[in-house]
Amino acid sequence: MDNLTGRHDLVLIYDAPDQTTAEIVCATLQAAGIEAVVQHQHRGPASGMLPYLGLADSRGVLVSESDEGAAHALLQALEPTEEELAAEAEDDETTLEQAEAAARLQ
Protein backbone atom coordinates (compact mmCIF):
# COMPACT_ATOMS: atom_id res chain seq x y z
CA MET A 1 0.00 0.00 0.00
CA ASP A 2 1.39 3.35 -0.97
CA ASN A 3 0.51 5.19 2.25
CA LEU A 4 3.46 3.43 3.92
CA THR A 5 5.95 4.89 1.47
CA GLY A 6 8.17 7.50 3.08
CA ARG A 7 7.36 6.53 6.66
CA HIS A 8 10.19 6.14 9.12
CA ASP A 9 8.57 3.68 11.54
CA LEU A 10 8.75 0.70 9.17
CA VAL A 11 10.33 -2.59 10.19
CA LEU A 12 11.45 -5.54 8.11
CA ILE A 13 9.01 -8.37 8.73
CA TYR A 14 10.10 -10.80 6.01
CA ASP A 15 13.21 -11.02 3.84
CA ALA A 16 11.99 -12.63 0.62
CA PRO A 17 14.40 -14.40 -1.73
CA ASP A 18 12.69 -12.98 -4.83
CA GLN A 19 10.07 -10.52 -6.06
CA THR A 20 7.28 -13.08 -6.41
CA THR A 21 7.63 -14.34 -2.84
CA ALA A 22 7.77 -10.77 -1.53
CA GLU A 23 4.57 -9.88 -3.36
CA ILE A 24 2.78 -12.99 -2.05
CA VAL A 25 3.79 -12.26 1.54
CA CYS A 26 2.85 -8.60 1.14
CA ALA A 27 -0.56 -9.51 -0.34
CA THR A 28 -1.17 -12.01 2.46
CA LEU A 29 -0.52 -9.36 5.09
CA GLN A 30 -2.67 -6.83 3.25
CA ALA A 31 -5.53 -9.34 2.96
CA ALA A 32 -5.43 -9.67 6.75
CA GLY A 33 -5.74 -5.90 7.12
CA ILE A 34 -2.06 -5.23 7.84
CA GLU A 35 -0.53 -2.46 5.76
CA ALA A 36 2.61 -3.76 4.09
CA VAL A 37 4.96 -2.71 1.31
CA VAL A 38 7.68 -4.48 -0.67
CA GLN A 39 11.11 -2.91 -0.28
CA HIS A 40 13.02 -2.42 -3.54
CA GLN A 41 9.99 -3.31 -5.65
CA HIS A 42 11.05 -1.16 -8.59
CA ARG A 43 14.45 -2.54 -9.52
CA GLY A 44 15.64 -2.36 -13.07
CA PRO A 45 16.31 -5.15 -15.52
CA ALA A 46 19.89 -5.56 -14.30
CA SER A 47 18.73 -6.71 -10.85
CA GLY A 48 19.06 -10.31 -12.01
CA MET A 49 22.81 -9.79 -12.08
CA LEU A 50 23.04 -8.90 -8.38
CA PRO A 51 23.68 -12.47 -7.14
CA TYR A 52 26.49 -12.86 -9.70
CA LEU A 53 28.10 -9.71 -8.34
CA GLY A 54 27.95 -11.07 -4.79
CA LEU A 55 25.08 -8.80 -3.84
CA ALA A 56 21.74 -9.86 -2.37
CA ASP A 57 18.69 -9.82 -4.59
CA SER A 58 16.24 -10.20 -1.73
CA ARG A 59 13.28 -7.94 -1.25
CA GLY A 60 12.08 -7.18 2.21
CA VAL A 61 8.46 -6.84 3.22
CA LEU A 62 7.95 -3.89 5.55
CA VAL A 63 5.17 -3.10 8.02
CA SER A 64 4.76 -0.33 10.56
CA GLU A 65 6.15 -0.93 14.05
CA SER A 66 2.63 -0.99 15.45
CA ASP A 67 1.71 -3.93 13.16
CA GLU A 68 4.92 -5.90 13.72
CA GLY A 69 3.50 -8.31 16.31
CA ALA A 70 0.37 -9.08 14.31
CA ALA A 71 2.39 -9.58 11.12
CA HIS A 72 4.82 -11.99 12.82
CA ALA A 73 1.90 -13.93 14.33
CA LEU A 74 0.15 -14.21 10.98
CA LEU A 75 3.24 -15.37 9.10
CA GLN A 76 4.12 -17.91 11.81
CA ALA A 77 0.57 -19.28 11.75
CA LEU A 78 0.91 -19.88 8.01
CA GLU A 79 4.12 -21.91 8.33
CA PRO A 80 3.53 -25.67 8.54
CA THR A 81 4.57 -27.36 11.78
CA GLU A 82 7.02 -30.27 11.89
CA GLU A 83 4.07 -32.58 12.58
CA GLU A 84 2.21 -31.33 9.51
CA LEU A 85 5.28 -31.81 7.32
CA ALA A 86 5.84 -35.31 8.70
CA ALA A 87 2.18 -36.26 8.12
CA GLU A 88 2.39 -34.96 4.56
CA ALA A 89 5.54 -36.98 3.92
CA GLU A 90 3.86 -40.11 5.32
CA ASP A 91 0.83 -39.62 3.08
CA ASP A 92 2.98 -39.25 -0.03
CA GLU A 93 3.34 -42.70 -1.58
CA THR A 94 5.98 -41.56 -4.09
CA THR A 95 9.26 -43.39 -3.59
CA LEU A 96 12.63 -41.71 -3.84
CA GLU A 97 13.32 -43.59 -7.06
CA GLN A 98 10.04 -42.40 -8.59
CA ALA A 99 10.78 -38.81 -7.62
CA GLU A 100 14.28 -38.97 -9.07
CA ALA A 101 12.97 -40.48 -12.32
CA ALA A 102 10.34 -37.76 -12.60
CA ALA A 103 12.96 -35.07 -11.97
CA ARG A 104 15.16 -36.48 -14.75
CA LEU A 105 12.26 -36.24 -17.21
CA GLN A 106 11.80 -32.54 -16.59
PDB file of N, CA and C in Angstrom:
ATOM      1  N   MET A   1       0.836  -1.177   0.000  1.00  0.00           N
ATOM      2  CA  MET A   1       0.000   0.000   0.000  1.00  0.00           C
ATOM      3  C   MET A   1       0.878   1.235   0.000  1.00  0.00           C
ATOM      4  N   ASP A   2       0.531   2.193  -0.781  1.00  0.00           N
ATOM      5  CA  ASP A   2       1.386   3.355  -0.965  1.00  0.00           C
ATOM      6  C   ASP A   2       1.447   4.286   0.231  1.00  0.00           C
ATOM      7  N   ASN A   3       0.465   4.245   1.141  1.00  0.00           N
ATOM      8  CA  ASN A   3       0.506   5.188   2.247  1.00  0.00           C
ATOM      9  C   ASN A   3       1.593   4.832   3.263  1.00  0.00           C
ATOM     10  N   LEU A   4       2.311   3.752   3.075  1.00  0.00           N
ATOM     11  CA  LEU A   4       3.461   3.433   3.921  1.00  0.00           C
ATOM     12  C   LEU A   4       4.742   4.041   3.386  1.00  0.00           C
ATOM     13  N   THR A   5       4.759   4.357   2.102  1.00  0.00           N
ATOM     14  CA  THR A   5       5.951   4.892   1.469  1.00  0.00           C
ATOM     15  C   THR A   5       6.371   6.196   2.145  1.00  0.00           C
ATOM     16  N   GLY A   6       7.635   6.284   2.481  1.00  0.00           N
ATOM     17  CA  GLY A   6       8.169   7.502   3.078  1.00  0.00           C
ATOM     18  C   GLY A   6       8.078   7.541   4.594  1.00  0.00           C
ATOM     19  N   ARG A   7       7.467   6.540   5.195  1.00  0.00           N
ATOM     20  CA  ARG A   7       7.361   6.526   6.660  1.00  0.00           C
ATOM     21  C   ARG A   7       8.671   6.039   7.257  1.00  0.00           C
ATOM     22  N   HIS A   8       8.938   6.486   8.468  1.00  0.00           N
ATOM     23  CA  HIS A   8      10.194   6.138   9.120  1.00  0.00           C
ATOM     24  C   HIS A   8      10.029   5.087  10.211  1.00  0.00           C
ATOM     25  N   ASP A   9       8.793   4.656  10.477  1.00  0.00           N
ATOM     26  CA  ASP A   9       8.568   3.680  11.537  1.00  0.00           C
ATOM     27  C   ASP A   9       8.366   2.269  10.977  1.00  0.00           C
ATOM     28  N   LEU A  10       8.917   2.005   9.795  1.00  0.00           N
ATOM     29  CA  LEU A  10       8.747   0.703   9.166  1.00  0.00           C
ATOM     30  C   LEU A  10       9.810  -0.281   9.653  1.00  0.00           C
ATOM     31  N   VAL A  11       9.400  -1.544   9.781  1.00  0.00           N
ATOM     32  CA  VAL A  11      10.326  -2.593  10.187  1.00  0.00           C
ATOM     33  C   VAL A  11      10.257  -3.727   9.168  1.00  0.00           C
ATOM     34  N   LEU A  12      11.379  -4.395   9.004  1.00  0.00           N
ATOM     35  CA  LEU A  12      11.451  -5.537   8.107  1.00  0.00           C
ATOM     36  C   LEU A  12      10.777  -6.724   8.783  1.00  0.00           C
ATOM     37  N   ILE A  13       9.747  -7.254   8.161  1.00  0.00           N
ATOM     38  CA  ILE A  13       9.011  -8.374   8.734  1.00  0.00           C
ATOM     39  C   ILE A  13       9.361  -9.684   8.040  1.00  0.00           C
ATOM     40  N   TYR A  14       9.796  -9.589   6.773  1.00  0.00           N
ATOM     41  CA  TYR A  14      10.104 -10.801   6.011  1.00  0.00           C
ATOM     42  C   TYR A  14      11.124 -10.444   4.944  1.00  0.00           C
ATOM     43  N   ASP A  15      12.182 -11.239   4.850  1.00  0.00           N
ATOM     44  CA  ASP A  15      13.210 -11.019   3.843  1.00  0.00           C
ATOM     45  C   ASP A  15      13.015 -12.070   2.756  1.00  0.00           C
ATOM     46  N   ALA A  16      12.343 -11.691   1.684  1.00  0.00           N
ATOM     47  CA  ALA A  16      11.987 -12.628   0.616  1.00  0.00           C
ATOM     48  C   ALA A  16      13.167 -12.873  -0.318  1.00  0.00           C
ATOM     49  N   PRO A  17      13.295 -14.091  -0.830  1.00  0.00           N
ATOM     50  CA  PRO A  17      14.396 -14.397  -1.734  1.00  0.00           C
ATOM     51  C   PRO A  17      14.198 -13.851  -3.140  1.00  0.00           C
ATOM     52  N   ASP A  18      12.949 -13.489  -3.490  1.00  0.00           N
ATOM     53  CA  ASP A  18      12.688 -12.976  -4.832  1.00  0.00           C
ATOM     54  C   ASP A  18      11.422 -12.105  -4.824  1.00  0.00           C
ATOM     55  N   GLN A  19      11.186 -11.448  -5.930  1.00  0.00           N
ATOM     56  CA  GLN A  19      10.074 -10.515  -6.061  1.00  0.00           C
ATOM     57  C   GLN A  19       8.720 -11.210  -5.887  1.00  0.00           C
ATOM     58  N   THR A  20       8.562 -12.385  -6.478  1.00  0.00           N
ATOM     59  CA  THR A  20       7.281 -13.084  -6.406  1.00  0.00           C
ATOM     60  C   THR A  20       6.926 -13.440  -4.970  1.00  0.00           C
ATOM     61  N   THR A  21       7.875 -13.984  -4.231  1.00  0.00           N
ATOM     62  CA  THR A  21       7.632 -14.341  -2.838  1.00  0.00           C
ATOM     63  C   THR A  21       7.308 -13.102  -2.023  1.00  0.00           C
ATOM     64  N   ALA A  22       8.036 -12.017  -2.251  1.00  0.00           N
ATOM     65  CA  ALA A  22       7.774 -10.773  -1.531  1.00  0.00           C
ATOM     66  C   ALA A  22       6.353 -10.279  -1.793  1.00  0.00           C
ATOM     67  N   GLU A  23       5.910 -10.342  -3.030  1.00  0.00           N
ATOM     68  CA  GLU A  23       4.572  -9.885  -3.365  1.00  0.00           C
ATOM     69  C   GLU A  23       3.498 -10.769  -2.741  1.00  0.00           C
ATOM     70  N   ILE A  24       3.745 -12.077  -2.679  1.00  0.00           N
ATOM     71  CA  ILE A  24       2.779 -12.991  -2.053  1.00  0.00           C
ATOM     72  C   ILE A  24       2.668 -12.707  -0.563  1.00  0.00           C
ATOM     73  N   VAL A  25       3.804 -12.551   0.111  1.00  0.00           N
ATOM     74  CA  VAL A  25       3.793 -12.256   1.545  1.00  0.00           C
ATOM     75  C   VAL A  25       3.117 -10.911   1.803  1.00  0.00           C
ATOM     76  N   CYS A  26       3.447  -9.925   1.000  1.00  0.00           N
ATOM     77  CA  CYS A  26       2.849  -8.596   1.144  1.00  0.00           C
ATOM     78  C   CYS A  26       1.334  -8.663   0.954  1.00  0.00           C
ATOM     79  N   ALA A  27       0.884  -9.379  -0.068  1.00  0.00           N
ATOM     80  CA  ALA A  27      -0.556  -9.508  -0.339  1.00  0.00           C
ATOM     81  C   ALA A  27      -1.259 -10.264   0.783  1.00  0.00           C
ATOM     82  N   THR A  28      -0.593 -11.255   1.347  1.00  0.00           N
ATOM     83  CA  THR A  28      -1.167 -12.013   2.460  1.00  0.00           C
ATOM     84  C   THR A  28      -1.385 -11.108   3.663  1.00  0.00           C
ATOM     85  N   LEU A  29      -0.390 -10.300   3.969  1.00  0.00           N
ATOM     86  CA  LEU A  29      -0.516  -9.360   5.085  1.00  0.00           C
ATOM     87  C   LEU A  29      -1.624  -8.347   4.815  1.00  0.00           C
ATOM     88  N   GLN A  30      -1.658  -7.817   3.601  1.00  0.00           N
ATOM     89  CA  GLN A  30      -2.675  -6.829   3.251  1.00  0.00           C
ATOM     90  C   GLN A  30      -4.076  -7.426   3.326  1.00  0.00           C
ATOM     91  N   ALA A  31      -4.224  -8.689   2.911  1.00  0.00           N
ATOM     92  CA  ALA A  31      -5.532  -9.342   2.964  1.00  0.00           C
ATOM     93  C   ALA A  31      -6.016  -9.499   4.400  1.00  0.00           C
ATOM     94  N   ALA A  32      -5.080  -9.566   5.338  1.00  0.00           N
ATOM     95  CA  ALA A  32      -5.431  -9.673   6.752  1.00  0.00           C
ATOM     96  C   ALA A  32      -5.625  -8.304   7.397  1.00  0.00           C
ATOM     97  N   GLY A  33      -5.530  -7.247   6.597  1.00  0.00           N
ATOM     98  CA  GLY A  33      -5.739  -5.899   7.117  1.00  0.00           C
ATOM     99  C   GLY A  33      -4.496  -5.228   7.655  1.00  0.00           C
ATOM    100  N   ILE A  34      -3.329  -5.797   7.387  1.00  0.00           N
ATOM    101  CA  ILE A  34      -2.061  -5.230   7.839  1.00  0.00           C
ATOM    102  C   ILE A  34      -1.429  -4.500   6.665  1.00  0.00           C
ATOM    103  N   GLU A  35      -1.172  -3.222   6.832  1.00  0.00           N
ATOM    104  CA  GLU A  35      -0.533  -2.464   5.763  1.00  0.00           C
ATOM    105  C   GLU A  35       0.912  -2.948   5.602  1.00  0.00           C
ATOM    106  N   ALA A  36       1.275  -3.262   4.372  1.00  0.00           N
ATOM    107  CA  ALA A  36       2.614  -3.762   4.091  1.00  0.00           C
ATOM    108  C   ALA A  36       3.065  -3.229   2.743  1.00  0.00           C
ATOM    109  N   VAL A  37       4.387  -3.177   2.562  1.00  0.00           N
ATOM    110  CA  VAL A  37       4.963  -2.706   1.311  1.00  0.00           C
ATOM    111  C   VAL A  37       6.221  -3.522   1.018  1.00  0.00           C
ATOM    112  N   VAL A  38       6.477  -3.759  -0.261  1.00  0.00           N
ATOM    113  CA  VAL A  38       7.677  -4.478  -0.666  1.00  0.00           C
ATOM    114  C   VAL A  38       8.807  -3.477  -0.837  1.00  0.00           C
ATOM    115  N   GLN A  39       9.909  -3.750  -0.173  1.00  0.00           N
ATOM    116  CA  GLN A  39      11.107  -2.914  -0.277  1.00  0.00           C
ATOM    117  C   GLN A  39      11.790  -3.229  -1.598  1.00  0.00           C
ATOM    118  N   HIS A  40      12.303  -2.248  -2.270  1.00  0.00           N
ATOM    119  CA  HIS A  40      13.020  -2.417  -3.540  1.00  0.00           C
ATOM    120  C   HIS A  40      12.144  -3.052  -4.613  1.00  0.00           C
ATOM    121  N   GLN A  41      10.876  -2.670  -4.676  1.00  0.00           N
ATOM    122  CA  GLN A  41       9.989  -3.310  -5.646  1.00  0.00           C
ATOM    123  C   GLN A  41      10.190  -2.811  -7.071  1.00  0.00           C
ATOM    124  N   HIS A  42      10.883  -1.718  -7.255  1.00  0.00           N
ATOM    125  CA  HIS A  42      11.054  -1.162  -8.594  1.00  0.00           C
ATOM    126  C   HIS A  42      12.518  -1.210  -9.024  1.00  0.00           C
ATOM    127  N   ARG A  43      13.073  -2.390  -9.056  1.00  0.00           N
ATOM    128  CA  ARG A  43      14.452  -2.542  -9.522  1.00  0.00           C
ATOM    129  C   ARG A  43      14.448  -2.668 -11.029  1.00  0.00           C
ATOM    130  N   GLY A  44      15.539  -2.311 -11.619  1.00  0.00           N
ATOM    131  CA  GLY A  44      15.643  -2.356 -13.071  1.00  0.00           C
ATOM    132  C   GLY A  44      15.954  -3.748 -13.591  1.00  0.00           C
ATOM    133  N   PRO A  45      16.076  -3.854 -14.896  1.00  0.00           N
ATOM    134  CA  PRO A  45      16.308  -5.154 -15.519  1.00  0.00           C
ATOM    135  C   PRO A  45      17.648  -5.788 -15.140  1.00  0.00           C
ATOM    136  N   ALA A  46      18.587  -5.009 -14.671  1.00  0.00           N
ATOM    137  CA  ALA A  46      19.895  -5.558 -14.297  1.00  0.00           C
ATOM    138  C   ALA A  46      19.882  -6.193 -12.911  1.00  0.00           C
ATOM    139  N   SER A  47      18.756  -6.155 -12.207  1.00  0.00           N
ATOM    140  CA  SER A  47      18.726  -6.706 -10.851  1.00  0.00           C
ATOM    141  C   SER A  47      19.013  -8.201 -10.837  1.00  0.00           C
ATOM    142  N   GLY A  48      18.763  -8.892 -11.939  1.00  0.00           N
ATOM    143  CA  GLY A  48      19.059 -10.313 -12.006  1.00  0.00           C
ATOM    144  C   GLY A  48      20.542 -10.610 -11.928  1.00  0.00           C
ATOM    145  N   MET A  49      21.357  -9.607 -12.155  1.00  0.00           N
ATOM    146  CA  MET A  49      22.815  -9.790 -12.084  1.00  0.00           C
ATOM    147  C   MET A  49      23.357  -9.651 -10.657  1.00  0.00           C
ATOM    148  N   LEU A  50      22.559  -9.156  -9.733  1.00  0.00           N
ATOM    149  CA  LEU A  50      23.039  -8.901  -8.379  1.00  0.00           C
ATOM    150  C   LEU A  50      23.666 -10.127  -7.718  1.00  0.00           C
ATOM    151  N   PRO A  51      23.044 -11.316  -7.778  1.00  0.00           N
ATOM    152  CA  PRO A  51      23.679 -12.467  -7.138  1.00  0.00           C
ATOM    153  C   PRO A  51      25.047 -12.809  -7.744  1.00  0.00           C
ATOM    154  N   TYR A  52      25.214 -12.567  -9.040  1.00  0.00           N
ATOM    155  CA  TYR A  52      26.489 -12.858  -9.704  1.00  0.00           C
ATOM    156  C   TYR A  52      27.574 -11.864  -9.303  1.00  0.00           C
ATOM    157  N   LEU A  53      27.150 -10.722  -8.802  1.00  0.00           N
ATOM    158  CA  LEU A  53      28.097  -9.715  -8.338  1.00  0.00           C
ATOM    159  C   LEU A  53      28.368  -9.838  -6.844  1.00  0.00           C
ATOM    160  N   GLY A  54      27.764 -10.875  -6.226  1.00  0.00           N
ATOM    161  CA  GLY A  54      27.945 -11.075  -4.790  1.00  0.00           C
ATOM    162  C   GLY A  54      27.044 -10.204  -3.950  1.00  0.00           C
ATOM    163  N   LEU A  55      26.014  -9.655  -4.558  1.00  0.00           N
ATOM    164  CA  LEU A  55      25.077  -8.798  -3.841  1.00  0.00           C
ATOM    165  C   LEU A  55      23.742  -9.517  -3.681  1.00  0.00           C
ATOM    166  N   ALA A  56      23.038  -9.223  -2.621  1.00  0.00           N
ATOM    167  CA  ALA A  56      21.745  -9.864  -2.365  1.00  0.00           C
ATOM    168  C   ALA A  56      20.688  -9.327  -3.321  1.00  0.00           C
ATOM    169  N   ASP A  57      19.813 -10.211  -3.743  1.00  0.00           N
ATOM    170  CA  ASP A  57      18.693  -9.816  -4.594  1.00  0.00           C
ATOM    171  C   ASP A  57      17.380  -9.954  -3.837  1.00  0.00           C
ATOM    172  N   SER A  58      17.453 -10.018  -2.518  1.00  0.00           N
ATOM    173  CA  SER A  58      16.240 -10.203  -1.728  1.00  0.00           C
ATOM    174  C   SER A  58      15.439  -8.913  -1.667  1.00  0.00           C
ATOM    175  N   ARG A  59      14.183  -9.077  -1.380  1.00  0.00           N
ATOM    176  CA  ARG A  59      13.280  -7.938  -1.254  1.00  0.00           C
ATOM    177  C   ARG A  59      12.544  -8.077   0.059  1.00  0.00           C
ATOM    178  N   GLY A  60      12.725  -7.124   0.916  1.00  0.00           N
ATOM    179  CA  GLY A  60      12.076  -7.177   2.213  1.00  0.00           C
ATOM    180  C   GLY A  60      10.637  -6.729   2.144  1.00  0.00           C
ATOM    181  N   VAL A  61       9.833  -7.283   3.048  1.00  0.00           N
ATOM    182  CA  VAL A  61       8.462  -6.838   3.218  1.00  0.00           C
ATOM    183  C   VAL A  61       8.438  -6.033   4.505  1.00  0.00           C
ATOM    184  N   LEU A  62       7.948  -4.815   4.417  1.00  0.00           N
ATOM    185  CA  LEU A  62       7.953  -3.892   5.547  1.00  0.00           C
ATOM    186  C   LEU A  62       6.542  -3.636   6.054  1.00  0.00           C
ATOM    187  N   VAL A  63       6.429  -3.497   7.385  1.00  0.00           N
ATOM    188  CA  VAL A  63       5.173  -3.101   8.017  1.00  0.00           C
ATOM    189  C   VAL A  63       5.507  -2.028   9.052  1.00  0.00           C
ATOM    190  N   SER A  64       4.504  -1.326   9.524  1.00  0.00           N
ATOM    191  CA  SER A  64       4.761  -0.327  10.560  1.00  0.00           C
ATOM    192  C   SER A  64       5.061  -1.033  11.875  1.00  0.00           C
ATOM    193  N   GLU A  65       5.789  -0.353  12.751  1.00  0.00           N
ATOM    194  CA  GLU A  65       6.152  -0.931  14.047  1.00  0.00           C
ATOM    195  C   GLU A  65       4.923  -1.384  14.817  1.00  0.00           C
ATOM    196  N   SER A  66       3.836  -0.652  14.701  1.00  0.00           N
ATOM    197  CA  SER A  66       2.626  -0.994  15.449  1.00  0.00           C
ATOM    198  C   SER A  66       1.975  -2.288  14.953  1.00  0.00           C
ATOM    199  N   ASP A  67       2.261  -2.688  13.718  1.00  0.00           N
ATOM    200  CA  ASP A  67       1.711  -3.933  13.165  1.00  0.00           C
ATOM    201  C   ASP A  67       2.684  -5.099  13.214  1.00  0.00           C
ATOM    202  N   GLU A  68       3.883  -4.872  13.747  1.00  0.00           N
ATOM    203  CA  GLU A  68       4.923  -5.898  13.718  1.00  0.00           C
ATOM    204  C   GLU A  68       4.483  -7.193  14.399  1.00  0.00           C
ATOM    205  N   GLY A  69       3.916  -7.106  15.579  1.00  0.00           N
ATOM    206  CA  GLY A  69       3.499  -8.305  16.315  1.00  0.00           C
ATOM    207  C   GLY A  69       2.443  -9.094  15.571  1.00  0.00           C
ATOM    208  N   ALA A  70       1.448  -8.399  15.041  1.00  0.00           N
ATOM    209  CA  ALA A  70       0.374  -9.075  14.310  1.00  0.00           C
ATOM    210  C   ALA A  70       0.901  -9.715  13.032  1.00  0.00           C
ATOM    211  N   ALA A  71       1.817  -9.042  12.361  1.00  0.00           N
ATOM    212  CA  ALA A  71       2.386  -9.578  11.125  1.00  0.00           C
ATOM    213  C   ALA A  71       3.202 -10.828  11.407  1.00  0.00           C
ATOM    214  N   HIS A  72       4.034 -10.803  12.448  1.00  0.00           N
ATOM    215  CA  HIS A  72       4.816 -11.989  12.821  1.00  0.00           C
ATOM    216  C   HIS A  72       3.884 -13.155  13.156  1.00  0.00           C
ATOM    217  N   ALA A  73       2.842 -12.874  13.933  1.00  0.00           N
ATOM    218  CA  ALA A  73       1.904 -13.925  14.334  1.00  0.00           C
ATOM    219  C   ALA A  73       1.223 -14.543  13.117  1.00  0.00           C
ATOM    220  N   LEU A  74       0.819 -13.708  12.172  1.00  0.00           N
ATOM    221  CA  LEU A  74       0.151 -14.210  10.976  1.00  0.00           C
ATOM    222  C   LEU A  74       1.088 -15.078  10.149  1.00  0.00           C
ATOM    223  N   LEU A  75       2.294 -14.611   9.923  1.00  0.00           N
ATOM    224  CA  LEU A  75       3.237 -15.372   9.103  1.00  0.00           C
ATOM    225  C   LEU A  75       3.643 -16.679   9.780  1.00  0.00           C
ATOM    226  N   GLN A  76       3.783 -16.676  11.100  1.00  0.00           N
ATOM    227  CA  GLN A  76       4.123 -17.912  11.806  1.00  0.00           C
ATOM    228  C   GLN A  76       2.965 -18.899  11.759  1.00  0.00           C
ATOM    229  N   ALA A  77       1.737 -18.398  11.804  1.00  0.00           N
ATOM    230  CA  ALA A  77       0.568 -19.278  11.747  1.00  0.00           C
ATOM    231  C   ALA A  77       0.456 -19.954  10.387  1.00  0.00           C
ATOM    232  N   LEU A  78       0.987 -19.320   9.355  1.00  0.00           N
ATOM    233  CA  LEU A  78       0.912 -19.881   8.008  1.00  0.00           C
ATOM    234  C   LEU A  78       1.977 -20.925   7.733  1.00  0.00           C
ATOM    235  N   GLU A  79       3.042 -20.948   8.532  1.00  0.00           N
ATOM    236  CA  GLU A  79       4.120 -21.912   8.333  1.00  0.00           C
ATOM    237  C   GLU A  79       3.677 -23.281   8.844  1.00  0.00           C
ATOM    238  N   PRO A  80       3.915 -24.338   8.068  1.00  0.00           N
ATOM    239  CA  PRO A  80       3.531 -25.668   8.539  1.00  0.00           C
ATOM    240  C   PRO A  80       4.407 -26.104   9.713  1.00  0.00           C
ATOM    241  N   THR A  81       3.815 -26.844  10.638  1.00  0.00           N
ATOM    242  CA  THR A  81       4.571 -27.362  11.775  1.00  0.00           C
ATOM    243  C   THR A  81       5.337 -28.613  11.341  1.00  0.00           C
ATOM    244  N   GLU A  82       6.269 -29.047  12.172  1.00  0.00           N
ATOM    245  CA  GLU A  82       7.019 -30.270  11.891  1.00  0.00           C
ATOM    246  C   GLU A  82       6.071 -31.464  11.768  1.00  0.00           C
ATOM    247  N   GLU A  83       5.036 -31.485  12.605  1.00  0.00           N
ATOM    248  CA  GLU A  83       4.074 -32.582  12.579  1.00  0.00           C
ATOM    249  C   GLU A  83       3.306 -32.595  11.261  1.00  0.00           C
ATOM    250  N   GLU A  84       2.922 -31.412  10.779  1.00  0.00           N
ATOM    251  CA  GLU A  84       2.206 -31.328   9.508  1.00  0.00           C
ATOM    252  C   GLU A  84       3.091 -31.784   8.344  1.00  0.00           C
ATOM    253  N   LEU A  85       4.346 -31.385   8.374  1.00  0.00           N
ATOM    254  CA  LEU A  85       5.276 -31.807   7.324  1.00  0.00           C
ATOM    255  C   LEU A  85       5.503 -33.315   7.361  1.00  0.00           C
ATOM    256  N   ALA A  86       5.633 -33.871   8.563  1.00  0.00           N
ATOM    257  CA  ALA A  86       5.838 -35.309   8.700  1.00  0.00           C
ATOM    258  C   ALA A  86       4.612 -36.077   8.215  1.00  0.00           C
ATOM    259  N   ALA A  87       3.414 -35.597   8.561  1.00  0.00           N
ATOM    260  CA  ALA A  87       2.182 -36.257   8.120  1.00  0.00           C
ATOM    261  C   ALA A  87       2.057 -36.209   6.601  1.00  0.00           C
ATOM    262  N   GLU A  88       2.430 -35.086   6.013  1.00  0.00           N
ATOM    263  CA  GLU A  88       2.387 -34.958   4.557  1.00  0.00           C
ATOM    264  C   GLU A  88       3.362 -35.927   3.898  1.00  0.00           C
ATOM    265  N   ALA A  89       4.544 -36.058   4.468  1.00  0.00           N
ATOM    266  CA  ALA A  89       5.540 -36.979   3.921  1.00  0.00           C
ATOM    267  C   ALA A  89       5.066 -38.423   4.036  1.00  0.00           C
ATOM    268  N   GLU A  90       4.395 -38.755   5.137  1.00  0.00           N
ATOM    269  CA  GLU A  90       3.860 -40.105   5.318  1.00  0.00           C
ATOM    270  C   GLU A  90       2.776 -40.421   4.304  1.00  0.00           C
ATOM    271  N   ASP A  91       1.943 -39.429   4.010  1.00  0.00           N
ATOM    272  CA  ASP A  91       0.826 -39.621   3.084  1.00  0.00           C
ATOM    273  C   ASP A  91       1.277 -39.715   1.635  1.00  0.00           C
ATOM    274  N   ASP A  92       2.469 -39.224   1.338  1.00  0.00           N
ATOM    275  CA  ASP A  92       2.977 -39.248  -0.027  1.00  0.00           C
ATOM    276  C   ASP A  92       3.538 -40.635  -0.327  1.00  0.00           C
ATOM    277  N   GLU A  93       2.933 -41.329  -1.268  1.00  0.00           N
ATOM    278  CA  GLU A  93       3.340 -42.696  -1.580  1.00  0.00           C
ATOM    279  C   GLU A  93       4.454 -42.754  -2.634  1.00  0.00           C
ATOM    280  N   THR A  94       4.920 -41.600  -3.093  1.00  0.00           N
ATOM    281  CA  THR A  94       5.979 -41.562  -4.086  1.00  0.00           C
ATOM    282  C   THR A  94       7.293 -42.007  -3.457  1.00  0.00           C
ATOM    283  N   THR A  95       7.964 -42.945  -4.098  1.00  0.00           N
ATOM    284  CA  THR A  95       9.257 -43.392  -3.593  1.00  0.00           C
ATOM    285  C   THR A  95      10.347 -42.444  -4.067  1.00  0.00           C
ATOM    286  N   LEU A  96      11.499 -42.539  -3.449  1.00  0.00           N
ATOM    287  CA  LEU A  96      12.634 -41.707  -3.837  1.00  0.00           C
ATOM    288  C   LEU A  96      13.015 -41.977  -5.288  1.00  0.00           C
ATOM    289  N   GLU A  97      12.977 -43.229  -5.676  1.00  0.00           N
ATOM    290  CA  GLU A  97      13.322 -43.587  -7.055  1.00  0.00           C
ATOM    291  C   GLU A  97      12.344 -42.969  -8.051  1.00  0.00           C
ATOM    292  N   GLN A  98      11.061 -42.994  -7.717  1.00  0.00           N
ATOM    293  CA  GLN A  98      10.045 -42.398  -8.594  1.00  0.00           C
ATOM    294  C   GLN A  98      10.250 -40.890  -8.716  1.00  0.00           C
ATOM    295  N   ALA A  99      10.562 -40.259  -7.604  1.00  0.00           N
ATOM    296  CA  ALA A  99      10.781 -38.809  -7.618  1.00  0.00           C
ATOM    297  C   ALA A  99      12.006 -38.451  -8.444  1.00  0.00           C
ATOM    298  N   GLU A 100      13.066 -39.231  -8.290  1.00  0.00           N
ATOM    299  CA  GLU A 100      14.279 -38.969  -9.070  1.00  0.00           C
ATOM    300  C   GLU A 100      14.034 -39.183 -10.560  1.00  0.00           C
ATOM    301  N   ALA A 101      13.282 -40.222 -10.900  1.00  0.00           N
ATOM    302  CA  ALA A 101      12.973 -40.476 -12.320  1.00  0.00           C
ATOM    303  C   ALA A 101      12.133 -39.344 -12.888  1.00  0.00           C
ATOM    304  N   ALA A 102      11.178 -38.858 -12.137  1.00  0.00           N
ATOM    305  CA  ALA A 102      10.341 -37.760 -12.601  1.00  0.00           C
ATOM    306  C   ALA A 102      11.157 -36.488 -12.773  1.00  0.00           C
ATOM    307  N   ALA A 103      12.111 -36.268 -11.883  1.00  0.00           N
ATOM    308  CA  ALA A 103      12.960 -35.074 -11.973  1.00  0.00           C
ATOM    309  C   ALA A 103      13.859 -35.142 -13.202  1.00  0.00           C
ATOM    310  N   ARG A 104      14.309 -36.329 -13.551  1.00  0.00           N
ATOM    311  CA  ARG A 104      15.159 -36.478 -14.748  1.00  0.00           C
ATOM    312  C   ARG A 104      14.392 -36.192 -16.018  1.00  0.00           C
ATOM    313  N   LEU A 105      13.096 -36.458 -16.020  1.00  0.00           N
ATOM    314  CA  LEU A 105      12.265 -36.242 -17.206  1.00  0.00           C
ATOM    315  C   LEU A 105      11.983 -34.768 -17.453  1.00  0.00           C
ATOM    316  N   GLN A 106      12.121 -33.956 -16.442  1.00  0.00           N
ATOM    317  CA  GLN A 106      11.796 -32.542 -16.591  1.00  0.00           C
ATOM    318  C   GLN A 106      12.896 -31.787 -17.195  1.00  0.00           C
TER     319      GLN A 106
END
